[in-house]
Amino acid sequence: MSDELQTLQREIRELKNLEAIKTLKHKYFRAMTFNDHDMIKETLTEDVVTSYSDGEYVFEDREKLLTFLIDSHDPKAQVIAYWMAGMPEITLTSETTATGIWAMYHHFYSRAHEIVDEMFVYYDDEYRLEDGSWRISKTGYRRVINQILNRRDMPYKMKAPAWAVAQKG
């Protein structure tokens, strides 16, 4: 096989891996938004290490992390949260490992507390290829800005599920 063909095959493999990692991170955020715990689990290695909120919430295995995520985003708590990430900087460090930096905007609304919490952060990730699929093996973020708005103190209009916009009686 010629050197050019080998180089082309390697470059195609690298591009496919980069796209797979981007898809993985988007899947992670979609699963978080819709509280799809099975899908979240699929995106993480068993030994995932996480550090959320500038190190306030640190976990060193998938089951403890899932328990935290389930408890903190329980649909019965009347919380709407979503994540939007982009501008990835992904580096393949070997054939089975990679790192990534992502800009992320997070919107969190709690009906119980009538607050909106907005954050812009940078995620620092590590990824590992396991059984043919990329998974997140380490993730965490550093805040750039965080603002908490009290909905009781300002005029506020919102289109969302009925429980989110219904007036408290």
C-alpha atoms as a PDB file:
ATOM      1  CA  MET A   1       0.000   0.000   0.000  1.00  0.00           C
ATOM      2  CA  SER A   2       1.392   3.424  -0.879  1.00  0.00           C
ATOM      3  CA  ASP A   3       2.295   5.968   1.771  1.00  0.00           C
ATOM      4  CA  GLU A   4      -0.288   8.376   0.324  1.00  0.00           C
ATOM      5  CA  LEU A   5      -3.069   5.835   0.664  1.00  0.00           C
ATOM      6  CA  GLN A   6      -2.070   5.013   4.246  1.00  0.00           C
ATOM      7  CA  THR A   7      -1.985   8.722   5.089  1.00  0.00           C
ATOM      8  CA  LEU A   8      -5.417   9.223   3.537  1.00  0.00           C
ATOM      9  CA  GLN A   9      -6.870   6.272   5.470  1.00  0.00           C
ATOM     10  CA  ARG A  10      -5.422   7.610   8.747  1.00  0.00           C
ATOM     11  CA  GLU A  11      -6.824  11.092   8.077  1.00  0.00           C
ATOM     12  CA  ILE A  12     -10.276   9.684   7.296  1.00  0.00           C
ATOM     13  CA  ARG A  13     -10.186   7.594  10.491  1.00  0.00           C
ATOM     14  CA  GLU A  14      -9.216  10.710  12.488  1.00  0.00           C
ATOM     15  CA  LEU A  15     -12.029  12.778  10.934  1.00  0.00           C
ATOM     16  CA  LYS A  16     -14.546  10.027  11.697  1.00  0.00           C
ATOM     17  CA  ASN A  17     -13.316   9.921  15.313  1.00  0.00           C
ATOM     18  CA  LEU A  18     -13.623  13.706  15.654  1.00  0.00           C
ATOM     19  CA  GLU A  19     -17.208  13.601  14.362  1.00  0.00           C
ATOM     20  CA  ALA A  20     -18.044  10.672  16.660  1.00  0.00           C
ATOM     21  CA  ILE A  21     -16.779  12.650  19.676  1.00  0.00           C
ATOM     22  CA  LYS A  22     -18.838  15.704  18.659  1.00  0.00           C
ATOM     23  CA  THR A  23     -21.921  13.501  18.320  1.00  0.00           C
ATOM     24  CA  LEU A  24     -21.181  11.956  21.731  1.00  0.00           C
ATOM     25  CA  LYS A  25     -21.076  15.340  23.461  1.00  0.00           C
ATOM     26  CA  HIS A  26     -24.288  16.488  21.759  1.00  0.00           C
ATOM     27  CA  LYS A  27     -25.952  13.216  22.801  1.00  0.00           C
ATOM     28  CA  TYR A  28     -24.794  13.784  26.413  1.00  0.00           C
ATOM     29  CA  PHE A  29     -26.414  17.245  26.507  1.00  0.00           C
ATOM     30  CA  ARG A  30     -29.606  16.041  24.823  1.00  0.00           C
ATOM     31  CA  ALA A  31     -29.855  13.202  27.349  1.00  0.00           C
ATOM     32  CA  MET A  32     -29.345  15.695  30.189  1.00  0.00           C
ATOM     33  CA  THR A  33     -32.033  18.008  28.794  1.00  0.00           C
ATOM     34  CA  PHE A  34     -34.615  15.231  28.515  1.00  0.00           C
ATOM     35  CA  ASN A  35     -33.571  13.412  31.714  1.00  0.00           C
ATOM     36  CA  ASP A  36     -32.813  10.277  29.679  1.00  0.00           C
ATOM     37  CA  HIS A  37     -30.716   8.466  32.264  1.00  0.00           C
ATOM     38  CA  ASP A  38     -30.131   5.374  30.118  1.00  0.00           C
ATOM     39  CA  MET A  39     -28.762   7.549  27.326  1.00  0.00           C
ATOM     40  CA  ILE A  40     -26.568   9.511  29.752  1.00  0.00           C
ATOM     41  CA  LYS A  41     -25.177   6.198  31.008  1.00  0.00           C
ATOM     42  CA  GLU A  42     -24.315   5.170  27.428  1.00  0.00           C
ATOM     43  CA  THR A  43     -22.196   8.320  26.994  1.00  0.00           C
ATOM     44  CA  LEU A  44     -20.001   7.707  30.061  1.00  0.00           C
ATOM     45  CA  THR A  45     -17.282   5.218  30.950  1.00  0.00           C
ATOM     46  CA  GLU A  46     -17.896   3.224  34.148  1.00  0.00           C
ATOM     47  CA  ASP A  47     -14.953   4.981  35.825  1.00  0.00           C
ATOM     48  CA  VAL A  48     -15.899   8.484  34.654  1.00  0.00           C
ATOM     49  CA  VAL A  49     -14.487  11.328  36.744  1.00  0.00           C
ATOM     50  CA  THR A  50     -16.522  14.531  36.890  1.00  0.00           C
ATOM     51  CA  SER A  51     -16.140  17.958  38.445  1.00  0.00           C
ATOM     52  CA  TYR A  52     -19.139  20.255  38.035  1.00  0.00           C
ATOM     53  CA  SER A  53     -19.661  23.791  39.358  1.00  0.00           C
ATOM     54  CA  ASP A  54     -15.954  24.576  39.662  1.00  0.00           C
ATOM     55  CA  GLY A  55     -15.324  21.436  41.720  1.00  0.00           C
ATOM     56  CA  GLU A  56     -18.370  21.665  43.999  1.00  0.00           C
ATOM     57  CA  TYR A  57     -19.753  18.343  42.691  1.00  0.00           C
ATOM     58  CA  VAL A  58     -17.053  15.721  42.132  1.00  0.00           C
ATOM     59  CA  PHE A  59     -17.774  12.075  41.284  1.00  0.00           C
ATOM     60  CA  GLU A  60     -15.443   9.197  40.478  1.00  0.00           C
ATOM     61  CA  ASP A  61     -17.811   6.612  39.051  1.00  0.00           C
ATOM     62  CA  ARG A  62     -20.824   6.520  36.772  1.00  0.00           C
ATOM     63  CA  GLU A  63     -23.406   5.207  39.274  1.00  0.00           C
ATOM     64  CA  LYS A  64     -22.763   7.953  41.854  1.00  0.00           C
ATOM     65  CA  LEU A  65     -22.899  10.570  39.111  1.00  0.00           C
ATOM     66  CA  LEU A  66     -26.177   9.174  37.740  1.00  0.00           C
ATOM     67  CA  THR A  67     -27.742   9.229  41.205  1.00  0.00           C
ATOM     68  CA  PHE A  68     -26.779  12.900  41.551  1.00  0.00           C
ATOM     69  CA  LEU A  69     -28.113  13.795  38.092  1.00  0.00           C
ATOM     70  CA  ILE A  70     -31.387  11.947  38.641  1.00  0.00           C
ATOM     71  CA  ASP A  71     -31.928  13.592  42.022  1.00  0.00           C
ATOM     72  CA  SER A  72     -31.015  17.108  40.884  1.00  0.00           C
ATOM     73  CA  HIS A  73     -33.092  17.071  37.684  1.00  0.00           C
ATOM     74  CA  ASP A  74     -36.151  15.181  38.859  1.00  0.00           C
ATOM     75  CA  PRO A  75     -39.123  16.115  36.640  1.00  0.00           C
ATOM     76  CA  LYS A  76     -41.344  16.208  39.756  1.00  0.00           C
ATOM     77  CA  ALA A  77     -39.208  19.103  41.004  1.00  0.00           C
ATOM     78  CA  GLN A  78     -40.583  21.191  38.115  1.00  0.00           C
ATOM     79  CA  VAL A  79     -37.213  22.072  36.663  1.00  0.00           C
ATOM     80  CA  ILE A  80     -36.527  22.967  33.059  1.00  0.00           C
ATOM     81  CA  ALA A  81     -32.875  22.831  32.126  1.00  0.00           C
ATOM     82  CA  TYR A  82     -31.041  22.769  28.856  1.00  0.00           C
ATOM     83  CA  TRP A  83     -27.482  22.870  27.650  1.00  0.00           C
ATOM     84  CA  MET A  84     -26.076  24.220  24.412  1.00  0.00           C
ATOM     85  CA  ALA A  85     -22.460  23.519  23.530  1.00  0.00           C
ATOM     86  CA  GLY A  86     -20.302  24.437  20.603  1.00  0.00           C
ATOM     87  CA  MET A  87     -16.913  25.617  19.427  1.00  0.00           C
ATOM     88  CA  PRO A  88     -15.249  22.265  20.178  1.00  0.00           C
ATOM     89  CA  GLU A  89     -11.480  22.006  20.318  1.00  0.00           C
ATOM     90  CA  ILE A  90     -10.850  18.254  20.101  1.00  0.00           C
ATOM     91  CA  THR A  91      -7.410  16.655  20.111  1.00  0.00           C
ATOM     92  CA  LEU A  92      -6.887  12.978  19.378  1.00  0.00           C
ATOM     93  CA  THR A  93      -4.126  11.934  21.787  1.00  0.00           C
ATOM     94  CA  SER A  94      -3.926   8.314  20.610  1.00  0.00           C
ATOM     95  CA  GLU A  95      -6.046   5.897  18.587  1.00  0.00           C
ATOM     96  CA  THR A  96      -8.269   5.331  21.648  1.00  0.00           C
ATOM     97  CA  THR A  97      -8.084   8.599  23.638  1.00  0.00           C
ATOM     98  CA  ALA A  98      -8.860  12.264  23.073  1.00  0.00           C
ATOM     99  CA  THR A  99      -9.354  15.548  24.893  1.00  0.00           C
ATOM    100  CA  GLY A 100     -11.858  18.294  24.246  1.00  0.00           C
ATOM    101  CA  ILE A 101     -12.747  21.823  25.261  1.00  0.00           C
ATOM    102  CA  TRP A 102     -16.327  23.026  24.700  1.00  0.00           C
ATOM    103  CA  ALA A 103     -18.026  26.382  25.217  1.00  0.00           C
ATOM    104  CA  MET A 104     -21.389  25.757  26.894  1.00  0.00           C
ATOM    105  CA  TYR A 105     -24.448  27.815  27.820  1.00  0.00           C
ATOM    106  CA  HIS A 106     -26.736  26.366  30.497  1.00  0.00           C
ATOM    107  CA  HIS A 107     -30.246  27.565  31.358  1.00  0.00           C
ATOM    108  CA  PHE A 108     -31.899  26.226  34.518  1.00  0.00           C
ATOM    109  CA  TYR A 109     -35.385  27.198  35.690  1.00  0.00           C
ATOM    110  CA  SER A 110     -36.765  26.054  39.036  1.00  0.00           C
ATOM    111  CA  ARG A 111     -40.492  26.523  39.527  1.00  0.00           C
ATOM    112  CA  ALA A 112     -40.169  25.725  43.227  1.00  0.00           C
ATOM    113  CA  HIS A 113     -37.713  28.563  43.826  1.00  0.00           C
ATOM    114  CA  GLU A 114     -38.896  30.835  40.977  1.00  0.00           C
ATOM    115  CA  ILE A 115     -35.317  31.340  39.807  1.00  0.00           C
ATOM    116  CA  VAL A 116     -33.542  31.243  36.497  1.00  0.00           C
ATOM    117  CA  ASP A 117     -29.882  30.274  36.683  1.00  0.00           C
ATOM    118  CA  GLU A 118     -27.830  30.980  33.555  1.00  0.00           C
ATOM    119  CA  MET A 119     -24.222  30.004  33.076  1.00  0.00           C
ATOM    120  CA  PHE A 120     -21.575  30.210  30.409  1.00  0.00           C
ATOM    121  CA  VAL A 121     -18.699  27.803  31.024  1.00  0.00           C
ATOM    122  CA  TYR A 122     -15.875  25.954  29.352  1.00  0.00           C
ATOM    123  CA  TYR A 123     -15.948  22.175  29.635  1.00  0.00           C
ATOM    124  CA  ASP A 124     -12.687  20.205  29.742  1.00  0.00           C
ATOM    125  CA  ASP A 125     -13.239  16.601  28.685  1.00  0.00           C
ATOM    126  CA  GLU A 126     -11.348  13.384  28.148  1.00  0.00           C
ATOM    127  CA  TYR A 127     -12.699  10.613  25.930  1.00  0.00           C
ATOM    128  CA  ARG A 128     -11.927   6.930  25.530  1.00  0.00           C
ATOM    129  CA  LEU A 129     -12.800   4.520  22.734  1.00  0.00           C
ATOM    130  CA  GLU A 130     -14.390   1.410  24.294  1.00  0.00           C
ATOM    131  CA  ASP A 131     -15.836  -1.488  22.301  1.00  0.00           C
ATOM    132  CA  GLY A 132     -15.945   0.634  19.163  1.00  0.00           C
ATOM    133  CA  SER A 133     -17.736   3.619  20.786  1.00  0.00           C
ATOM    134  CA  TRP A 134     -16.347   6.858  22.152  1.00  0.00           C
ATOM    135  CA  ARG A 135     -17.334   7.650  25.748  1.00  0.00           C
ATOM    136  CA  ILE A 136     -16.650  10.480  28.149  1.00  0.00           C
ATOM    137  CA  SER A 137     -14.071   9.378  30.732  1.00  0.00           C
ATOM    138  CA  LYS A 138     -13.546  12.746  32.433  1.00  0.00           C
ATOM    139  CA  THR A 139     -15.569  15.942  32.347  1.00  0.00           C
ATOM    140  CA  GLY A 140     -15.922  19.155  34.258  1.00  0.00           C
ATOM    141  CA  TYR A 141     -16.238  22.855  33.710  1.00  0.00           C
ATOM    142  CA  ARG A 142     -14.958  26.261  34.720  1.00  0.00           C
ATOM    143  CA  ARG A 143     -17.411  29.152  34.923  1.00  0.00           C
ATOM    144  CA  VAL A 144     -16.973  32.287  32.902  1.00  0.00           C
ATOM    145  CA  ILE A 145     -20.212  33.927  34.065  1.00  0.00           C
ATOM    146  CA  ASN A 146     -23.161  32.881  36.187  1.00  0.00           C
ATOM    147  CA  GLN A 147     -26.286  34.916  36.843  1.00  0.00           C
ATOM    148  CA  ILE A 148     -29.270  34.003  38.958  1.00  0.00           C
ATOM    149  CA  LEU A 149     -32.524  35.844  38.302  1.00  0.00           C
ATOM    150  CA  ASN A 150     -35.436  35.852  40.723  1.00  0.00           C
ATOM    151  CA  ARG A 151     -38.618  35.689  38.621  1.00  0.00           C
ATOM    152  CA  ARG A 152     -40.689  37.192  41.453  1.00  0.00           C
ATOM    153  CA  ASP A 153     -38.732  40.447  41.210  1.00  0.00           C
ATOM    154  CA  MET A 154     -39.169  41.160  37.513  1.00  0.00           C
ATOM    155  CA  PRO A 155     -41.729  41.066  34.710  1.00  0.00           C
ATOM    156  CA  TYR A 156     -41.316  37.734  33.016  1.00  0.00           C
ATOM    157  CA  LYS A 157     -43.071  36.021  30.112  1.00  0.00           C
ATOM    158  CA  MET A 158     -42.314  32.475  29.089  1.00  0.00           C
ATOM    159  CA  LYS A 159     -43.643  29.820  26.746  1.00  0.00           C
ATOM    160  CA  ALA A 160     -43.041  26.411  28.265  1.00  0.00           C
ATOM    161  CA  PRO A 161     -44.935  23.482  29.796  1.00  0.00           C
ATOM    162  CA  ALA A 162     -48.158  24.567  31.521  1.00  0.00           C
ATOM    163  CA  TRP A 163     -46.767  24.037  35.036  1.00  0.00           C
ATOM    164  CA  ALA A 164     -43.882  26.423  34.251  1.00  0.00           C
ATOM    165  CA  VAL A 165     -46.046  29.376  33.245  1.00  0.00           C
ATOM    166  CA  ALA A 166     -49.151  28.810  35.399  1.00  0.00           C
ATOM    167  CA  GLN A 167     -49.670  31.396  38.091  1.00  0.00           C
ATOM    168  CA  LYS A 168     -49.196  30.193  41.645  1.00  0.00           C
ATOM    169  CA  GLY A 169     -52.408  30.423  43.597  1.00  0.00           C
END
